[in-house]
Amino acid sequence: MQKQNSKFPKRSLSRLIAVQSFYQYDFHERKISVEALAEGLTQNYFLSEEEKIPSCEKKIDSDLLQSLLCGLITVKDKIDDEITPFLKGEWRIDNLPDVMLQILRLGSFELKYMKDTPTKVIINEYVDLSSCFYDAKQVTFVNKALQNIANKNRPESKTENKTEND
């Protein structure tokens, strides 16, 4: 078995590419398909300068990436409705930072529709991703929002997380 050169596990990298694909999808005003954007990212993604081939195609979980892309695109408005009640103060869907919005959308999508992945794993993955882009205050916001969405959509996670936080 060949050792993976990347510091990103396959599923983590797949989530990162999904976030970036949806970010670009909105940036290009939805004129380029999210699948085409993901394909471009997958084929031309550099994980380190030492890599001879820029593709990360063999370093992702393509099934997870497809589930995220195809799933979120069909229920994006429902996911925005899931997120909205947990936005406080001046925050609204239309004024969230672009990458943060995609992180919240994809994390919420997984929490609501992909029940095979443990709640804690989903939240940790998207909190870790947000820490690559944002400061501690914004990362805490992402964590709390995803935790609230998990509590709403996965009642079993309330007990699980209560014991962790107490």
Protein backbone atom coordinates (compact mmCIF):
# COMPACT_ATOMS: atom_id res chain seq x y z
CA MET A 1 0.00 0.00 0.00
CA GLN A 2 1.35 3.38 -0.98
CA LYS A 3 1.58 6.09 1.64
CA GLN A 4 -0.48 9.20 0.91
CA ASN A 5 1.67 12.29 0.48
CA SER A 6 -1.08 14.66 1.57
CA LYS A 7 -1.73 15.85 5.09
CA PHE A 8 -5.45 15.86 4.26
CA PRO A 9 -7.47 12.68 4.72
CA LYS A 10 -9.54 11.80 1.63
CA ARG A 11 -12.89 12.83 3.09
CA SER A 12 -11.49 16.12 4.47
CA LEU A 13 -10.04 17.03 1.09
CA SER A 14 -13.34 16.15 -0.57
CA ARG A 15 -15.16 18.54 1.77
CA LEU A 16 -12.62 21.29 1.05
CA ILE A 17 -13.08 20.85 -2.70
CA ALA A 18 -16.87 20.94 -2.25
CA VAL A 19 -16.62 24.22 -0.28
CA GLN A 20 -14.36 25.74 -2.93
CA SER A 21 -16.57 24.47 -5.77
CA PHE A 22 -19.68 26.09 -4.32
CA TYR A 23 -17.73 29.27 -3.58
CA GLN A 24 -16.67 29.43 -7.25
CA TYR A 25 -20.18 28.48 -8.39
CA ASP A 26 -21.61 31.55 -6.65
CA PHE A 27 -18.65 33.70 -7.75
CA HIS A 28 -19.31 32.80 -11.40
CA GLU A 29 -22.99 33.61 -10.85
CA ARG A 30 -23.97 29.97 -11.39
CA LYS A 31 -22.97 30.12 -15.07
CA ILE A 32 -20.57 27.18 -14.70
CA SER A 33 -21.83 23.92 -13.29
CA VAL A 34 -20.64 23.05 -9.81
CA GLU A 35 -19.56 19.64 -11.14
CA ALA A 36 -17.32 21.27 -13.77
CA LEU A 37 -15.79 23.52 -11.14
CA ALA A 38 -15.12 20.55 -8.87
CA GLU A 39 -13.55 18.65 -11.77
CA GLY A 40 -11.26 21.59 -12.49
CA LEU A 41 -10.26 21.85 -8.85
CA THR A 42 -9.67 18.11 -8.59
CA GLN A 43 -7.51 18.02 -11.71
CA ASN A 44 -5.46 21.11 -10.86
CA TYR A 45 -5.20 21.15 -7.08
CA PHE A 46 -1.74 21.45 -5.57
CA LEU A 47 -1.42 20.04 -2.08
CA SER A 48 2.28 20.78 -1.87
CA GLU A 49 5.00 22.22 -4.06
CA GLU A 50 6.82 18.88 -4.09
CA GLU A 51 4.07 17.13 -6.02
CA LYS A 52 4.95 16.30 -9.60
CA ILE A 53 1.33 15.88 -10.71
CA PRO A 54 -1.06 18.62 -9.61
CA SER A 55 -4.14 16.39 -9.63
CA CYS A 56 -5.60 15.28 -6.33
CA GLU A 57 -8.10 12.96 -8.04
CA LYS A 58 -6.72 9.88 -6.26
CA LYS A 59 -6.56 11.71 -2.95
CA ILE A 60 -10.27 12.41 -2.59
CA ASP A 61 -13.35 10.39 -1.77
CA SER A 62 -15.13 10.90 -5.08
CA ASP A 63 -18.37 9.34 -3.81
CA LEU A 64 -18.55 11.81 -0.93
CA LEU A 65 -17.70 14.72 -3.23
CA GLN A 66 -20.46 13.70 -5.68
CA SER A 67 -22.97 13.29 -2.84
CA LEU A 68 -22.14 16.75 -1.52
CA LEU A 69 -22.25 18.45 -4.94
CA CYS A 70 -25.39 16.77 -6.25
CA GLY A 71 -27.16 16.85 -2.91
CA LEU A 72 -26.61 20.47 -1.93
CA ILE A 73 -27.40 21.81 -5.39
CA THR A 74 -30.90 20.30 -5.19
CA VAL A 75 -31.75 21.48 -1.64
CA LYS A 76 -29.73 24.69 -1.28
CA ASP A 77 -32.79 26.82 -0.48
CA LYS A 78 -33.96 24.34 2.17
CA ILE A 79 -30.48 24.36 3.70
CA ASP A 80 -30.47 28.17 3.76
CA ASP A 81 -33.79 27.95 5.61
CA GLU A 82 -32.14 25.56 8.11
CA ILE A 83 -29.29 28.00 8.74
CA THR A 84 -31.30 31.25 8.93
CA PRO A 85 -32.87 30.76 12.42
CA PHE A 86 -29.39 30.41 13.93
CA LEU A 87 -28.06 33.69 12.54
CA LYS A 88 -28.05 36.42 15.18
CA GLY A 89 -27.60 40.16 15.17
CA GLU A 90 -26.51 41.58 11.84
CA TRP A 91 -25.89 38.17 10.27
CA ARG A 92 -28.13 37.09 7.41
CA ILE A 93 -27.61 34.53 4.64
CA ASP A 94 -26.94 37.31 2.14
CA ASN A 95 -24.19 39.00 4.17
CA LEU A 96 -22.24 36.05 5.53
CA PRO A 97 -18.68 35.83 4.23
CA ASP A 98 -18.78 33.70 1.06
CA VAL A 99 -16.58 30.83 2.22
CA MET A 100 -18.31 30.73 5.61
CA LEU A 101 -21.68 30.45 3.89
CA GLN A 102 -20.47 27.46 1.87
CA ILE A 103 -19.01 25.82 4.99
CA LEU A 104 -22.32 26.27 6.82
CA ARG A 105 -24.32 25.03 3.83
CA LEU A 106 -22.28 21.88 3.33
CA GLY A 107 -22.03 21.13 7.05
CA SER A 108 -25.78 21.62 7.41
CA PHE A 109 -26.45 19.44 4.38
CA GLU A 110 -24.38 16.60 5.84
CA LEU A 111 -26.04 16.95 9.24
CA LYS A 112 -29.53 16.90 7.76
CA TYR A 113 -29.20 14.35 4.97
CA MET A 114 -26.10 12.19 5.46
CA LYS A 115 -27.01 10.34 8.63
CA ASP A 116 -24.28 7.68 8.26
CA THR A 117 -21.55 10.12 9.27
CA PRO A 118 -21.37 10.81 13.02
CA THR A 119 -22.42 14.29 14.11
CA LYS A 120 -19.16 14.98 15.89
CA VAL A 121 -17.13 14.09 12.77
CA ILE A 122 -19.15 16.43 10.55
CA ILE A 123 -18.94 19.35 12.95
CA ASN A 124 -15.21 18.83 13.57
CA GLU A 125 -14.48 18.64 9.84
CA TYR A 126 -16.24 21.91 9.02
CA VAL A 127 -14.92 23.69 12.11
CA ASP A 128 -11.40 22.64 11.07
CA LEU A 129 -12.05 23.94 7.56
CA SER A 130 -13.33 27.24 8.91
CA SER A 131 -10.19 27.64 11.01
CA CYS A 132 -8.17 27.69 7.78
CA PHE A 133 -10.03 30.82 6.68
CA TYR A 134 -11.24 32.64 9.78
CA ASP A 135 -10.27 33.82 13.25
CA ALA A 136 -11.33 32.16 16.51
CA LYS A 137 -14.50 34.24 16.91
CA GLN A 138 -15.80 33.27 13.47
CA VAL A 139 -14.79 29.63 13.96
CA THR A 140 -16.77 29.61 17.22
CA PHE A 141 -19.75 31.03 15.32
CA VAL A 142 -19.52 28.20 12.74
CA ASN A 143 -19.23 25.63 15.54
CA LYS A 144 -22.29 26.97 17.38
CA ALA A 145 -24.38 27.25 14.22
CA LEU A 146 -23.58 23.67 13.16
CA GLN A 147 -24.19 22.42 16.70
CA ASN A 148 -27.63 24.07 16.71
CA ILE A 149 -28.43 22.57 13.31
CA ALA A 150 -27.29 19.16 14.57
CA ASN A 151 -29.48 19.47 17.65
CA LYS A 152 -32.47 20.24 15.43
CA ASN A 153 -31.86 17.49 12.86
CA ARG A 154 -30.23 14.82 14.99
CA PRO A 155 -31.93 14.75 18.38
CA GLU A 156 -29.57 12.00 19.55
CA SER A 157 -26.66 14.45 19.22
CA LYS A 158 -28.09 16.68 21.98
CA THR A 159 -27.34 14.05 24.62
CA GLU A 160 -24.03 13.18 23.02
CA ASN A 161 -22.84 16.79 23.04
CA LYS A 162 -24.27 17.71 26.42
CA THR A 163 -22.04 15.16 28.13
CA GLU A 164 -19.02 16.36 26.13
CA ASN A 165 -19.53 20.01 27.08
CA ASP A 166 -20.47 19.58 30.75
